[in-house]
Amino acid sequence: PVNFDNEKTFKAHGEEVASVCLERHNQDKGSNVEFVEVVRANYRGGPRPVSYITFMAREKPDGPLVEYQAKGMSTLDGKTHPMLCRPAPPPKPQNKNF
C-alpha cells in the first residue's frame, strides 16, 4: 500500500511510478527517453496495489512529446516495481455512422 501522507502527494507517486517504469524501459530498449509530466493516474489498492499512469515523455535531447503508459506495483516495503512502459497506442478511428 502507498502511504499518501503530507510528504507525498498522489501526483508525486504518479511521477515516481512513471520514472521507475521509464528507467526500466530505457534499460531494456537501450533508449534515452526522459519523463516530462503526468497526464492521468489511477491507483487500484488491495493486496497487490497497482498504479496506472499516462505521462508525456520525449527522446533526449529534443525529440517530440510522446504519450506513454506505465503500470507499476507498490509493495509493503515501499518499493515500486515496474510492470509496463510503452508509448500509448494511437487512438482508434471513430465510426462516422453515429
C-alpha atoms as a PDB file:
ATOM      1  CA  PRO A   1       0.000   0.000   0.000  1.00  0.00           C
ATOM      2  CA  VAL A   2       1.043   3.535  -0.669  1.00  0.00           C
ATOM      3  CA  ASN A   3       1.011   5.970   2.230  1.00  0.00           C
ATOM      4  CA  PHE A   4      -0.136   9.319   0.834  1.00  0.00           C
ATOM      5  CA  ASP A   5       0.881  11.450   3.792  1.00  0.00           C
ATOM      6  CA  ASN A   6       1.832  15.134   3.763  1.00  0.00           C
ATOM      7  CA  GLU A   7       5.246  14.267   2.362  1.00  0.00           C
ATOM      8  CA  LYS A   8       3.998  12.530  -0.780  1.00  0.00           C
ATOM      9  CA  THR A   9       1.051  13.579  -2.928  1.00  0.00           C
ATOM     10  CA  PHE A  10      -0.744  11.376  -5.429  1.00  0.00           C
ATOM     11  CA  LYS A  11       0.919  13.389  -8.204  1.00  0.00           C
ATOM     12  CA  ALA A  12       4.356  12.707  -6.721  1.00  0.00           C
ATOM     13  CA  HIS A  13       3.505   8.998  -6.505  1.00  0.00           C
ATOM     14  CA  GLY A  14       2.484   9.022 -10.191  1.00  0.00           C
ATOM     15  CA  GLU A  15       5.733  10.735 -11.145  1.00  0.00           C
ATOM     16  CA  GLU A  16       7.718   8.153  -9.163  1.00  0.00           C
ATOM     17  CA  VAL A  17       5.941   5.184 -10.775  1.00  0.00           C
ATOM     18  CA  ALA A  18       6.349   6.667 -14.267  1.00  0.00           C
ATOM     19  CA  SER A  19      10.045   7.390 -13.657  1.00  0.00           C
ATOM     20  CA  VAL A  20      10.771   3.872 -12.337  1.00  0.00           C
ATOM     21  CA  CYS A  21       8.935   2.284 -15.272  1.00  0.00           C
ATOM     22  CA  LEU A  22      10.624   4.593 -17.786  1.00  0.00           C
ATOM     23  CA  GLU A  23      14.043   3.812 -16.315  1.00  0.00           C
ATOM     24  CA  ARG A  24      13.409   0.085 -16.903  1.00  0.00           C
ATOM     25  CA  HIS A  25      12.095   0.836 -20.410  1.00  0.00           C
ATOM     26  CA  ASN A  26      15.288   2.755 -21.241  1.00  0.00           C
ATOM     27  CA  GLN A  27      17.448  -0.109 -19.933  1.00  0.00           C
ATOM     28  CA  ASP A  28      15.513  -2.771 -21.851  1.00  0.00           C
ATOM     29  CA  LYS A  29      15.242  -0.850 -25.134  1.00  0.00           C
ATOM     30  CA  GLY A  30      18.578   0.985 -24.998  1.00  0.00           C
ATOM     31  CA  SER A  31      16.711   4.258 -25.438  1.00  0.00           C
ATOM     32  CA  ASN A  32      17.126   7.673 -23.856  1.00  0.00           C
ATOM     33  CA  VAL A  33      13.541   8.778 -23.165  1.00  0.00           C
ATOM     34  CA  GLU A  34      13.014  11.376 -20.432  1.00  0.00           C
ATOM     35  CA  PHE A  35       9.929  11.909 -18.291  1.00  0.00           C
ATOM     36  CA  VAL A  36       8.134  15.272 -18.753  1.00  0.00           C
ATOM     37  CA  GLU A  37       4.816  15.208 -16.842  1.00  0.00           C
ATOM     38  CA  VAL A  38       1.930  13.047 -15.630  1.00  0.00           C
ATOM     39  CA  VAL A  39      -1.267  13.348 -17.677  1.00  0.00           C
ATOM     40  CA  ARG A  40      -3.520  10.891 -15.788  1.00  0.00           C
ATOM     41  CA  ALA A  41      -3.111   8.434 -12.958  1.00  0.00           C
ATOM     42  CA  ASN A  42      -5.237   5.693 -11.428  1.00  0.00           C
ATOM     43  CA  TYR A  43      -4.497   3.711  -8.300  1.00  0.00           C
ATOM     44  CA  ARG A  44      -6.009   0.326  -7.502  1.00  0.00           C
ATOM     45  CA  GLY A  45      -5.476  -0.653  -3.888  1.00  0.00           C
ATOM     46  CA  GLY A  46      -5.659  -4.075  -2.316  1.00  0.00           C
ATOM     47  CA  PRO A  47      -3.150  -6.805  -1.502  1.00  0.00           C
ATOM     48  CA  ARG A  48      -1.223  -6.004  -4.700  1.00  0.00           C
ATOM     49  CA  PRO A  49      -1.745  -2.270  -5.293  1.00  0.00           C
ATOM     50  CA  VAL A  50      -1.190  -1.204  -8.887  1.00  0.00           C
ATOM     51  CA  SER A  51      -0.850   2.276 -10.363  1.00  0.00           C
ATOM     52  CA  TYR A  52      -1.707   3.062 -13.985  1.00  0.00           C
ATOM     53  CA  ILE A  53      -0.028   6.221 -15.239  1.00  0.00           C
ATOM     54  CA  THR A  54      -0.327   8.077 -18.539  1.00  0.00           C
ATOM     55  CA  PHE A  55       2.510  10.553 -18.999  1.00  0.00           C
ATOM     56  CA  MET A  56       4.324  12.639 -21.555  1.00  0.00           C
ATOM     57  CA  ALA A  57       7.955  11.918 -22.404  1.00  0.00           C
ATOM     58  CA  ARG A  58      10.471  12.744 -25.094  1.00  0.00           C
ATOM     59  CA  GLU A  59      13.571  11.177 -26.582  1.00  0.00           C
ATOM     60  CA  LYS A  60      16.548  13.220 -25.400  1.00  0.00           C
ATOM     61  CA  PRO A  61      17.753  15.751 -26.222  1.00  0.00           C
ATOM     62  CA  ASP A  62      14.977  17.391 -28.246  1.00  0.00           C
ATOM     63  CA  GLY A  63      12.568  14.770 -29.575  1.00  0.00           C
ATOM     64  CA  PRO A  64       8.820  15.352 -29.889  1.00  0.00           C
ATOM     65  CA  LEU A  65       6.491  14.845 -26.925  1.00  0.00           C
ATOM     66  CA  VAL A  66       5.030  11.335 -26.934  1.00  0.00           C
ATOM     67  CA  GLU A  67       2.285   9.971 -24.693  1.00  0.00           C
ATOM     68  CA  TYR A  68       3.402   6.897 -22.721  1.00  0.00           C
ATOM     69  CA  GLN A  69       1.615   4.404 -20.493  1.00  0.00           C
ATOM     70  CA  ALA A  70       3.091   2.851 -17.378  1.00  0.00           C
ATOM     71  CA  LYS A  71       1.936   0.295 -14.843  1.00  0.00           C
ATOM     72  CA  GLY A  72       3.726  -0.278 -11.558  1.00  0.00           C
ATOM     73  CA  MET A  73       3.130  -2.210  -8.357  1.00  0.00           C
ATOM     74  CA  SER A  74       3.973  -0.880  -4.897  1.00  0.00           C
ATOM     75  CA  THR A  75       4.978  -3.438  -2.276  1.00  0.00           C
ATOM     76  CA  LEU A  76       4.775  -3.346   1.502  1.00  0.00           C
ATOM     77  CA  ASP A  77       8.448  -2.405   1.758  1.00  0.00           C
ATOM     78  CA  GLY A  78       7.691   0.848  -0.109  1.00  0.00           C
ATOM     79  CA  LYS A  79       9.397  -0.160  -3.351  1.00  0.00           C
ATOM     80  CA  THR A  80       7.867   0.418  -6.776  1.00  0.00           C
ATOM     81  CA  HIS A  81       8.203  -2.405  -9.279  1.00  0.00           C
ATOM     82  CA  PRO A  82       7.763  -1.638 -12.999  1.00  0.00           C
ATOM     83  CA  MET A  83       5.306  -3.858 -14.844  1.00  0.00           C
ATOM     84  CA  LEU A  84       4.792  -1.999 -18.132  1.00  0.00           C
ATOM     85  CA  CYS A  85       6.059   1.040 -20.002  1.00  0.00           C
ATOM     86  CA  ARG A  86       5.230   1.762 -23.621  1.00  0.00           C
ATOM     87  CA  PRO A  87       4.221   4.533 -25.991  1.00  0.00           C
ATOM     88  CA  ALA A  88       0.434   4.856 -25.920  1.00  0.00           C
ATOM     89  CA  PRO A  89      -1.237   3.175 -28.901  1.00  0.00           C
ATOM     90  CA  PRO A  90      -2.756   5.528 -31.465  1.00  0.00           C
ATOM     91  CA  PRO A  91      -6.463   6.231 -30.938  1.00  0.00           C
ATOM     92  CA  LYS A  92      -8.878   4.045 -32.870  1.00  0.00           C
ATOM     93  CA  PRO A  93     -10.763   5.805 -35.665  1.00  0.00           C
ATOM     94  CA  GLN A  94     -14.301   6.694 -34.673  1.00  0.00           C
ATOM     95  CA  ASN A  95     -17.269   5.275 -36.517  1.00  0.00           C
ATOM     96  CA  LYS A  96     -18.783   8.161 -38.513  1.00  0.00           C
ATOM     97  CA  ASN A  97     -22.210   6.493 -38.759  1.00  0.00           C
ATOM     98  CA  PHE A  98     -23.271   7.825 -35.353  1.00  0.00           C
END
